[in-house]
Amino acid sequence: MSQTTKSAHKVLFIGGQPKDWGEAFSEHTHSGKILRGIVKELNIDAQYLDLWENADMERDWPYVTEDKYLQIYKYREDGYDVIVLGGKVKKAIIKCNYWHSPAPLTVFIDAFLPHPAARRSTDDLKEDIVKVMAKRP
């Protein structure tokens, strides 16, 4: 499930799984509060995507499904910057390469950043997001 916030700059944020809230980076979670606060402050047109549906899938199938690959590819084609948040998600994306895909998934990723809840400072994450957005006007 994804949520949208209106702005000129489009960013897809990719996380692991919805922590029982039914949406990526839910405002009910610590990481969701941090990330959505930054998105609001920077007025980003944000989409949120989780690689896995739940903790069991994250544990038992720590890979990117073909459906998720295609979703990420489509966002990139639609002009979104793509930011991956978290170490487990980064590992899954680096391992992803479907033989019939146009390119390895890493080609579509603009940045791998630490998970919002793992940061010492919200300002660090905000600065890194601004740097990613500055690369592509």
C-alpha atoms as a PDB file:
ATOM      1  CA  MET A   1       0.000   0.000   0.000  1.00  0.00           C
ATOM      2  CA  SER A   2       1.330   3.453  -0.757  1.00  0.00           C
ATOM      3  CA  GLN A   3       0.536   6.978   0.340  1.00  0.00           C
ATOM      4  CA  THR A   4       0.997  10.230  -1.578  1.00  0.00           C
ATOM      5  CA  THR A   5       1.939  13.741  -0.504  1.00  0.00           C
ATOM      6  CA  LYS A   6       1.828  16.542  -3.142  1.00  0.00           C
ATOM      7  CA  SER A   7       4.955  18.420  -4.325  1.00  0.00           C
ATOM      8  CA  ALA A   8       7.200  18.977  -7.316  1.00  0.00           C
ATOM      9  CA  HIS A   9       9.943  16.511  -6.400  1.00  0.00           C
ATOM     10  CA  LYS A  10       8.966  12.827  -6.503  1.00  0.00           C
ATOM     11  CA  VAL A  11      10.642  10.255  -4.236  1.00  0.00           C
ATOM     12  CA  LEU A  12       9.901   6.567  -3.660  1.00  0.00           C
ATOM     13  CA  PHE A  13      10.980   5.384  -0.196  1.00  0.00           C
ATOM     14  CA  ILE A  14      11.463   1.608   0.086  1.00  0.00           C
ATOM     15  CA  GLY A  15      11.311  -0.177   3.436  1.00  0.00           C
ATOM     16  CA  GLY A  16      11.060  -3.724   4.718  1.00  0.00           C
ATOM     17  CA  GLN A  17       7.586  -4.575   6.007  1.00  0.00           C
ATOM     18  CA  PRO A  18       4.594  -2.680   7.474  1.00  0.00           C
ATOM     19  CA  LYS A  19       4.951  -3.792  11.117  1.00  0.00           C
ATOM     20  CA  ASP A  20       1.263  -4.810  11.251  1.00  0.00           C
ATOM     21  CA  TRP A  21       0.011  -1.336  10.225  1.00  0.00           C
ATOM     22  CA  GLY A  22      -0.857  -2.226   6.619  1.00  0.00           C
ATOM     23  CA  GLU A  23       1.230   0.534   5.047  1.00  0.00           C
ATOM     24  CA  ALA A  24       4.895   1.299   4.548  1.00  0.00           C
ATOM     25  CA  PHE A  25       6.359   3.738   7.062  1.00  0.00           C
ATOM     26  CA  SER A  26       3.054   4.148   8.873  1.00  0.00           C
ATOM     27  CA  GLU A  27       2.784   7.267  10.995  1.00  0.00           C
ATOM     28  CA  HIS A  28       2.044   4.880  13.885  1.00  0.00           C
ATOM     29  CA  THR A  29       5.687   3.717  13.904  1.00  0.00           C
ATOM     30  CA  HIS A  30       8.765   5.584  15.094  1.00  0.00           C
ATOM     31  CA  SER A  31      10.389   5.388  11.664  1.00  0.00           C
ATOM     32  CA  GLY A  32       7.180   6.483   9.941  1.00  0.00           C
ATOM     33  CA  LYS A  33       6.844   9.536  12.170  1.00  0.00           C
ATOM     34  CA  ILE A  34      10.443  10.534  11.404  1.00  0.00           C
ATOM     35  CA  LEU A  35      10.245   9.952   7.650  1.00  0.00           C
ATOM     36  CA  ARG A  36       6.786  11.456   7.129  1.00  0.00           C
ATOM     37  CA  GLY A  37       7.802  14.496   9.171  1.00  0.00           C
ATOM     38  CA  ILE A  38      10.764  15.052   6.850  1.00  0.00           C
ATOM     39  CA  VAL A  39       8.602  14.484   3.769  1.00  0.00           C
ATOM     40  CA  LYS A  40       6.120  17.078   5.007  1.00  0.00           C
ATOM     41  CA  GLU A  41       8.838  19.585   5.903  1.00  0.00           C
ATOM     42  CA  LEU A  42      10.545  19.227   2.506  1.00  0.00           C
ATOM     43  CA  ASN A  43       7.208  19.126   0.643  1.00  0.00           C
ATOM     44  CA  ILE A  44       8.087  15.923  -1.236  1.00  0.00           C
ATOM     45  CA  ASP A  45       5.684  14.029  -3.492  1.00  0.00           C
ATOM     46  CA  ALA A  46       6.367  10.758  -1.678  1.00  0.00           C
ATOM     47  CA  GLN A  47       5.404   7.170  -2.338  1.00  0.00           C
ATOM     48  CA  TYR A  48       6.142   4.470   0.228  1.00  0.00           C
ATOM     49  CA  LEU A  49       6.735   0.818  -0.641  1.00  0.00           C
ATOM     50  CA  ASP A  50       7.595  -2.208   1.482  1.00  0.00           C
ATOM     51  CA  LEU A  51       9.402  -5.189  -0.052  1.00  0.00           C
ATOM     52  CA  TRP A  52       7.596  -7.690   2.144  1.00  0.00           C
ATOM     53  CA  GLU A  53       4.018  -8.041   3.368  1.00  0.00           C
ATOM     54  CA  ASN A  54       4.895  -9.057   6.932  1.00  0.00           C
ATOM     55  CA  ALA A  55       7.699 -10.160   9.288  1.00  0.00           C
ATOM     56  CA  ASP A  56       7.322 -13.833   8.308  1.00  0.00           C
ATOM     57  CA  MET A  57       7.892 -13.045   4.641  1.00  0.00           C
ATOM     58  CA  GLU A  58      10.858 -10.814   5.519  1.00  0.00           C
ATOM     59  CA  ARG A  59      12.392 -13.661   7.548  1.00  0.00           C
ATOM     60  CA  ASP A  60      11.480 -16.600   5.258  1.00  0.00           C
ATOM     61  CA  TRP A  61      11.834 -14.938   1.837  1.00  0.00           C
ATOM     62  CA  PRO A  62      14.404 -12.103   2.166  1.00  0.00           C
ATOM     63  CA  TYR A  63      14.374 -11.397  -1.570  1.00  0.00           C
ATOM     64  CA  VAL A  64      12.681  -8.994  -3.959  1.00  0.00           C
ATOM     65  CA  THR A  65       9.704 -10.502  -5.765  1.00  0.00           C
ATOM     66  CA  GLU A  66       9.309  -9.921  -9.471  1.00  0.00           C
ATOM     67  CA  ASP A  67       6.194  -7.857  -8.748  1.00  0.00           C
ATOM     68  CA  LYS A  68       8.127  -5.514  -6.431  1.00  0.00           C
ATOM     69  CA  TYR A  69      10.943  -5.268  -8.997  1.00  0.00           C
ATOM     70  CA  LEU A  70       8.420  -4.154 -11.620  1.00  0.00           C
ATOM     71  CA  GLN A  71       6.813  -1.648  -9.234  1.00  0.00           C
ATOM     72  CA  ILE A  72      10.191  -0.060  -8.476  1.00  0.00           C
ATOM     73  CA  TYR A  73      11.078  -0.020 -12.184  1.00  0.00           C
ATOM     74  CA  LYS A  74       7.767   1.725 -12.972  1.00  0.00           C
ATOM     75  CA  TYR A  75       8.306   4.410 -10.324  1.00  0.00           C
ATOM     76  CA  ARG A  76      11.761   5.063 -11.749  1.00  0.00           C
ATOM     77  CA  GLU A  77      10.336   5.288 -15.260  1.00  0.00           C
ATOM     78  CA  ASP A  78       7.778   7.799 -13.931  1.00  0.00           C
ATOM     79  CA  GLY A  79      10.593  10.086 -12.744  1.00  0.00           C
ATOM     80  CA  TYR A  80      10.814   9.195  -9.064  1.00  0.00           C
ATOM     81  CA  ASP A  81      14.077   9.264  -7.148  1.00  0.00           C
ATOM     82  CA  VAL A  82      14.342   5.894  -5.412  1.00  0.00           C
ATOM     83  CA  ILE A  83      15.705   5.740  -1.859  1.00  0.00           C
ATOM     84  CA  VAL A  84      16.179   2.452  -0.002  1.00  0.00           C
ATOM     85  CA  LEU A  85      16.016   2.649   3.795  1.00  0.00           C
ATOM     86  CA  GLY A  86      17.571  -0.059   5.941  1.00  0.00           C
ATOM     87  CA  GLY A  87      20.264  -2.727   5.793  1.00  0.00           C
ATOM     88  CA  LYS A  88      18.037  -5.781   5.196  1.00  0.00           C
ATOM     89  CA  VAL A  89      16.302  -4.041   2.301  1.00  0.00           C
ATOM     90  CA  LYS A  90      19.654  -2.994   0.836  1.00  0.00           C
ATOM     91  CA  LYS A  91      20.926  -6.606   0.935  1.00  0.00           C
ATOM     92  CA  ALA A  92      17.782  -7.909  -0.780  1.00  0.00           C
ATOM     93  CA  ILE A  93      17.978  -5.304  -3.541  1.00  0.00           C
ATOM     94  CA  ILE A  94      21.677  -5.898  -4.172  1.00  0.00           C
ATOM     95  CA  LYS A  95      20.971  -9.638  -4.596  1.00  0.00           C
ATOM     96  CA  CYS A  96      18.072  -9.014  -6.992  1.00  0.00           C
ATOM     97  CA  ASN A  97      18.646  -9.690 -10.687  1.00  0.00           C
ATOM     98  CA  TYR A  98      15.946 -11.415 -12.723  1.00  0.00           C
ATOM     99  CA  TRP A  99      17.351 -12.934 -15.906  1.00  0.00           C
ATOM    100  CA  HIS A 100      14.634 -11.339 -18.073  1.00  0.00           C
ATOM    101  CA  SER A 101      14.727  -7.912 -16.394  1.00  0.00           C
ATOM    102  CA  PRO A 102      15.996  -4.826 -18.245  1.00  0.00           C
ATOM    103  CA  ALA A 103      18.777  -4.299 -15.670  1.00  0.00           C
ATOM    104  CA  PRO A 104      19.838  -5.246 -12.137  1.00  0.00           C
ATOM    105  CA  LEU A 105      17.590  -3.520  -9.611  1.00  0.00           C
ATOM    106  CA  THR A 106      20.508  -1.520  -8.204  1.00  0.00           C
ATOM    107  CA  VAL A 107      20.584   0.516 -11.452  1.00  0.00           C
ATOM    108  CA  PHE A 108      17.260   2.139 -10.459  1.00  0.00           C
ATOM    109  CA  ILE A 109      18.312   3.049  -6.909  1.00  0.00           C
ATOM    110  CA  ASP A 110      19.515   6.582  -6.149  1.00  0.00           C
ATOM    111  CA  ALA A 111      20.611   5.977  -2.564  1.00  0.00           C
ATOM    112  CA  PHE A 112      20.892   3.362   0.152  1.00  0.00           C
ATOM    113  CA  LEU A 113      20.384   5.120   3.498  1.00  0.00           C
ATOM    114  CA  PRO A 114      20.137   3.785   7.066  1.00  0.00           C
ATOM    115  CA  HIS A 115      16.655   3.091   8.398  1.00  0.00           C
ATOM    116  CA  PRO A 116      15.035   6.239   9.875  1.00  0.00           C
ATOM    117  CA  ALA A 117      14.767   4.702  13.351  1.00  0.00           C
ATOM    118  CA  ALA A 118      18.472   3.733  13.270  1.00  0.00           C
ATOM    119  CA  ARG A 119      19.657   7.324  12.860  1.00  0.00           C
ATOM    120  CA  ARG A 120      21.228   9.364  15.630  1.00  0.00           C
ATOM    121  CA  SER A 121      19.693  12.509  14.165  1.00  0.00           C
ATOM    122  CA  THR A 122      16.673  13.281  12.019  1.00  0.00           C
ATOM    123  CA  ASP A 123      18.711  16.104  10.492  1.00  0.00           C
ATOM    124  CA  ASP A 124      21.226  13.560   9.113  1.00  0.00           C
ATOM    125  CA  LEU A 125      18.489  11.722   7.236  1.00  0.00           C
ATOM    126  CA  LYS A 126      16.954  14.979   6.006  1.00  0.00           C
ATOM    127  CA  GLU A 127      20.348  16.169   4.702  1.00  0.00           C
ATOM    128  CA  ASP A 128      20.916  12.879   2.882  1.00  0.00           C
ATOM    129  CA  ILE A 129      17.461  13.028   1.263  1.00  0.00           C
ATOM    130  CA  VAL A 130      18.098  16.617   0.135  1.00  0.00           C
ATOM    131  CA  LYS A 131      21.427  15.517  -1.403  1.00  0.00           C
ATOM    132  CA  VAL A 132      19.693  12.746  -3.373  1.00  0.00           C
ATOM    133  CA  MET A 133      17.004  15.131  -4.647  1.00  0.00           C
ATOM    134  CA  ALA A 134      19.652  17.707  -5.663  1.00  0.00           C
ATOM    135  CA  LYS A 135      21.202  15.220  -8.088  1.00  0.00           C
ATOM    136  CA  ARG A 136      18.109  15.304 -10.307  1.00  0.00           C
ATOM    137  CA  PRO A 137      16.081  18.532 -10.523  1.00  0.00           C
END
